[in-house]
N, C-alpha and C. Protein backbone atom coordinates (compact mmCIF):
# COMPACT_ATOMS: atom_id res chain seq x y z
N MET A 1 -16.01 -2.32 -3.08
CA MET A 1 -14.82 -1.61 -3.48
C MET A 1 -13.91 -2.11 -3.02
N THR A 2 -12.89 -3.21 -3.74
CA THR A 2 -11.64 -3.89 -3.99
C THR A 2 -10.69 -2.95 -3.12
N GLU A 3 -10.26 -3.33 -2.01
CA GLU A 3 -8.61 -2.62 -2.13
C GLU A 3 -7.65 -3.74 -1.27
N LYS A 4 -6.38 -2.99 -1.36
CA LYS A 4 -5.21 -4.85 -1.98
C LYS A 4 -4.37 -3.45 -0.98
N ARG A 5 -3.39 -3.77 -0.46
CA ARG A 5 -2.15 -3.21 -0.08
C ARG A 5 -0.97 -3.93 -0.81
N LEU A 6 -0.01 -3.14 -0.90
CA LEU A 6 1.08 -3.27 -1.76
C LEU A 6 2.44 -2.96 -0.75
N HIS A 7 3.69 -3.52 -0.86
CA HIS A 7 4.98 -3.95 -0.16
C HIS A 7 5.89 -3.42 -1.31
N ILE A 8 6.32 -2.09 -1.29
CA ILE A 8 7.72 -1.77 -2.64
C ILE A 8 8.48 -1.45 -1.69
N ILE A 9 9.81 -1.77 -3.19
CA ILE A 9 11.43 -1.35 -2.58
C ILE A 9 11.49 -0.63 -3.75
N VAL A 10 11.58 0.18 -3.92
CA VAL A 10 12.28 0.96 -5.20
C VAL A 10 13.89 1.73 -5.21
N SER A 11 14.52 1.45 -6.39
CA SER A 11 15.61 1.06 -6.19
C SER A 11 16.38 2.44 -7.37
N GLY A 12 17.32 2.79 -6.93
CA GLY A 12 17.78 4.12 -7.77
C GLY A 12 18.09 4.85 -6.90
N LEU A 13 18.53 6.28 -8.13
CA LEU A 13 18.49 7.70 -7.48
C LEU A 13 17.38 7.78 -6.73
N VAL A 14 17.21 7.73 -5.51
CA VAL A 14 15.86 7.58 -4.62
C VAL A 14 15.74 8.63 -3.52
N GLN A 15 17.37 8.66 -2.73
CA GLN A 15 17.63 8.94 -1.60
C GLN A 15 17.72 10.46 -1.89
N GLY A 16 17.53 11.53 -0.99
CA GLY A 16 18.17 13.03 -1.02
C GLY A 16 17.62 13.93 -2.18
N VAL A 17 16.58 13.28 -2.42
CA VAL A 17 16.07 13.78 -4.57
C VAL A 17 14.40 14.11 -3.67
N GLY A 18 13.85 14.07 -2.25
CA GLY A 18 13.02 14.34 -2.31
C GLY A 18 11.69 13.32 -2.39
N PHE A 19 11.94 12.25 -2.76
CA PHE A 19 11.34 10.63 -2.88
C PHE A 19 10.28 10.42 -1.97
N ARG A 20 10.70 10.40 -0.87
CA ARG A 20 9.89 9.87 0.40
C ARG A 20 8.72 10.78 0.33
N MET A 21 8.80 12.12 0.47
CA MET A 21 7.61 13.38 -0.09
C MET A 21 6.85 13.07 -1.11
N PHE A 22 7.30 12.51 -2.15
CA PHE A 22 6.51 12.87 -3.31
C PHE A 22 5.84 11.19 -2.98
N VAL A 23 6.35 10.26 -2.71
CA VAL A 23 5.25 9.07 -2.70
C VAL A 23 4.59 9.89 -1.57
N MET A 24 4.56 10.35 -0.51
CA MET A 24 3.61 11.01 0.61
C MET A 24 2.38 11.85 -0.03
N ARG A 25 3.23 12.33 -1.10
CA ARG A 25 1.99 13.34 -1.34
C ARG A 25 1.42 12.86 -2.74
N GLU A 26 1.64 11.43 -3.72
CA GLU A 26 1.03 10.85 -4.42
C GLU A 26 -0.14 9.91 -3.76
N ALA A 27 0.40 9.38 -2.24
CA ALA A 27 -1.06 8.82 -1.68
C ALA A 27 -1.34 9.04 -1.33
N SER A 28 -1.28 10.58 -0.33
CA SER A 28 -2.39 11.26 0.06
C SER A 28 -3.35 11.56 -1.05
N ALA A 29 -2.51 12.24 -1.90
CA ALA A 29 -3.93 12.54 -3.01
C ALA A 29 -4.85 11.36 -3.66
N ARG A 30 -4.49 10.42 -3.52
CA ARG A 30 -5.57 9.66 -3.74
C ARG A 30 -6.58 8.55 -2.48
N GLY A 31 -5.81 9.33 -1.37
CA GLY A 31 -6.54 8.75 -0.10
C GLY A 31 -6.17 7.16 0.65
N LEU A 32 -4.84 6.80 -0.39
CA LEU A 32 -3.78 6.09 0.03
C LEU A 32 -4.13 5.51 1.83
N SER A 33 -3.22 4.93 2.50
CA SER A 33 -3.10 4.65 3.63
C SER A 33 -1.61 3.85 3.77
N GLY A 34 -0.59 4.08 4.75
CA GLY A 34 0.25 3.86 4.43
C GLY A 34 1.68 4.41 5.26
N TRP A 35 2.97 3.78 4.48
CA TRP A 35 4.09 4.63 5.51
C TRP A 35 5.35 4.51 4.01
N THR A 36 6.29 5.73 4.16
CA THR A 36 7.66 4.83 3.44
C THR A 36 8.70 5.52 4.14
N ARG A 37 9.57 4.84 3.89
CA ARG A 37 11.31 4.89 4.97
C ARG A 37 12.52 4.89 4.04
N ASN A 38 13.72 5.39 3.66
CA ASN A 38 14.71 5.17 3.57
C ASN A 38 15.22 3.88 3.94
N LEU A 39 15.99 2.96 3.63
CA LEU A 39 16.59 1.98 3.92
C LEU A 39 18.13 2.32 4.25
N PRO A 40 18.63 1.93 4.44
CA PRO A 40 20.36 1.80 5.13
C PRO A 40 21.04 1.41 3.57
N ASP A 41 20.53 1.23 2.73
CA ASP A 41 21.01 -0.10 1.64
C ASP A 41 20.96 1.98 0.09
N GLY A 42 20.31 2.11 0.51
CA GLY A 42 20.00 3.28 -0.36
C GLY A 42 18.77 3.17 -1.25
N THR A 43 17.46 2.19 -1.00
CA THR A 43 16.50 2.41 -1.42
C THR A 43 15.56 2.61 -0.57
N VAL A 44 13.98 2.89 -1.01
CA VAL A 44 13.25 3.33 -0.65
C VAL A 44 12.11 2.42 -0.30
N GLU A 45 12.04 1.73 1.10
CA GLU A 45 10.63 1.36 0.92
C GLU A 45 9.12 1.57 1.26
N VAL A 46 8.42 1.07 0.76
CA VAL A 46 7.16 1.68 0.83
C VAL A 46 5.42 0.19 1.06
N GLU A 47 4.47 0.72 1.70
CA GLU A 47 3.80 0.22 2.31
C GLU A 47 2.28 1.02 1.22
N ALA A 48 1.81 0.75 0.58
CA ALA A 48 0.35 1.31 0.68
C ALA A 48 -0.80 0.45 0.45
N GLN A 49 -1.71 1.13 1.11
CA GLN A 49 -3.16 0.44 0.63
C GLN A 49 -4.21 1.22 0.47
N GLY A 50 -5.63 0.58 -0.37
CA GLY A 50 -6.34 1.56 -0.88
C GLY A 50 -7.25 0.56 -1.49
N ASN A 51 -7.71 1.25 -1.86
CA ASN A 51 -9.24 0.76 -3.68
C ASN A 51 -8.10 0.27 -4.75
N ALA A 52 -8.05 -0.32 -5.04
CA ALA A 52 -6.96 -1.37 -5.73
C ALA A 52 -7.02 -0.42 -7.28
N GLY A 53 -7.37 0.33 -7.93
CA GLY A 53 -7.73 0.79 -8.81
C GLY A 53 -6.90 2.34 -8.22
N LEU A 54 -7.13 3.00 -7.44
CA LEU A 54 -5.55 4.11 -6.69
C LEU A 54 -4.41 3.20 -6.46
N ILE A 55 -4.25 2.29 -6.38
CA ILE A 55 -3.27 1.94 -6.13
C ILE A 55 -2.35 1.74 -7.23
N ASP A 56 -3.03 1.27 -8.41
CA ASP A 56 -2.50 1.27 -9.73
C ASP A 56 -2.12 2.14 -10.45
N GLU A 57 -2.51 3.44 -10.37
CA GLU A 57 -1.86 4.83 -10.09
C GLU A 57 -0.94 4.54 -9.71
N PHE A 58 -0.87 5.41 -8.14
CA PHE A 58 -0.08 5.37 -7.41
C PHE A 58 1.33 4.07 -7.75
N ILE A 59 0.97 3.06 -8.30
CA ILE A 59 2.33 2.67 -8.42
C ILE A 59 2.75 2.98 -10.14
N GLY A 60 1.92 3.63 -10.48
CA GLY A 60 2.35 4.81 -12.07
C GLY A 60 3.26 5.41 -12.00
N GLN A 61 2.86 6.29 -10.73
CA GLN A 61 3.84 7.82 -10.30
C GLN A 61 4.94 7.54 -9.75
N THR A 62 4.85 5.73 -8.78
CA THR A 62 6.18 5.66 -8.03
C THR A 62 7.30 5.40 -8.46
N ARG A 63 6.75 4.91 -10.10
CA ARG A 63 7.79 4.51 -11.03
C ARG A 63 8.64 5.36 -11.84
N ILE A 64 7.63 6.82 -11.72
CA ILE A 64 7.98 7.83 -12.75
C ILE A 64 8.92 8.77 -11.63
N GLY A 65 8.43 8.93 -10.29
CA GLY A 65 9.30 9.61 -9.32
C GLY A 65 9.60 10.94 -9.69
N PRO A 66 9.92 12.04 -8.67
CA PRO A 66 10.46 13.11 -9.10
C PRO A 66 11.24 13.58 -9.77
N ALA A 67 11.17 14.74 -10.13
CA ALA A 67 11.94 15.21 -11.36
C ALA A 67 13.69 15.37 -10.68
N ARG A 68 13.93 14.58 -9.34
CA ARG A 68 15.64 14.57 -9.58
C ARG A 68 15.62 13.45 -9.59
N SER A 69 14.91 12.25 -9.20
CA SER A 69 14.75 11.06 -8.95
C SER A 69 15.16 9.83 -10.60
N SER A 70 16.15 9.47 -10.06
CA SER A 70 16.33 8.03 -10.98
C SER A 70 16.10 6.54 -10.95
N ILE A 71 14.84 6.13 -11.20
CA ILE A 71 14.46 4.62 -10.34
C ILE A 71 14.65 3.73 -11.71
N THR A 72 15.60 2.84 -10.67
CA THR A 72 16.30 1.73 -11.68
C THR A 72 15.60 0.44 -11.67
N SER A 73 14.72 0.16 -10.44
CA SER A 73 13.48 -0.82 -10.30
C SER A 73 12.67 -0.35 -9.49
N ILE A 74 12.12 -1.24 -9.47
CA ILE A 74 10.40 -1.43 -8.21
C ILE A 74 10.53 -2.56 -8.22
N LYS A 75 10.28 -3.34 -7.15
CA LYS A 75 9.85 -4.55 -6.41
C LYS A 75 8.26 -4.40 -6.09
N VAL A 76 7.11 -4.91 -6.58
CA VAL A 76 5.73 -4.71 -5.63
C VAL A 76 5.55 -6.48 -5.73
N ARG A 77 5.36 -6.70 -4.67
CA ARG A 77 4.72 -7.48 -3.71
C ARG A 77 2.63 -7.11 -3.01
N GLU A 78 1.84 -7.89 -3.27
CA GLU A 78 0.90 -7.96 -2.55
C GLU A 78 1.28 -8.29 -1.15
N THR A 79 0.51 -7.93 -0.13
CA THR A 79 0.25 -7.70 1.48
C THR A 79 -1.21 -8.01 2.21
N ALA A 80 -0.74 -8.49 3.28
CA ALA A 80 -2.05 -8.28 4.27
C ALA A 80 -2.70 -6.87 4.24
N ILE A 81 -3.70 -6.75 3.91
CA ILE A 81 -4.06 -5.64 4.71
C ILE A 81 -4.07 -5.28 5.99
N ASP A 82 -4.10 -4.03 6.20
CA ASP A 82 -4.04 -3.52 7.50
C ASP A 82 -5.28 -2.96 8.04
N ALA A 83 -5.71 -3.14 8.89
CA ALA A 83 -7.16 -2.54 8.92
C ALA A 83 -7.56 -1.51 10.11
N SER A 84 -6.30 -1.68 10.40
CA SER A 84 -6.06 -0.32 11.69
C SER A 84 -5.21 1.18 10.90
N GLU A 85 -5.41 0.92 9.99
CA GLU A 85 -3.74 1.49 9.30
C GLU A 85 -5.11 3.39 8.80
N ARG A 86 -4.39 4.92 9.40
CA ARG A 86 -5.40 5.86 8.87
C ARG A 86 -3.83 6.34 8.17
N GLY A 87 -4.54 6.97 7.42
CA GLY A 87 -3.48 8.46 6.93
C GLY A 87 -2.18 7.60 5.65
N PHE A 88 -0.84 8.47 5.61
CA PHE A 88 -0.38 8.09 5.32
C PHE A 88 1.03 8.51 5.36
N ARG A 89 2.08 7.83 6.40
CA ARG A 89 3.45 9.04 6.66
C ARG A 89 4.34 8.37 6.45
N ILE A 90 5.48 9.39 6.97
CA ILE A 90 7.17 9.41 6.66
C ILE A 90 7.48 8.34 7.91
N VAL A 91 8.52 7.14 7.76
CA VAL A 91 8.65 6.98 9.21
C VAL A 91 10.12 7.10 9.16
N THR A 92 11.14 6.63 10.20
CA THR A 92 12.55 6.32 10.32
C THR A 92 12.98 5.54 10.77
């Protein structure tokens, strides 16, 4: 099983619309680990890791977001796997 970890910055109307909860549900449904948080500039930051195919599905859903959100851009880069990480969480 090929695994990968992605660092993601999502811009647009993504704060105050349930975006982090949406991300956590989508990641957890796929058994991914990582975290998400709001950034002071109004974007949302996400790190997610797991099965490469499931990560790709997750990115597809992240590009859509919850109903009240409006995504204007998403920046994705691959980063090093964190073997100690378990579960997906919202951090502040």
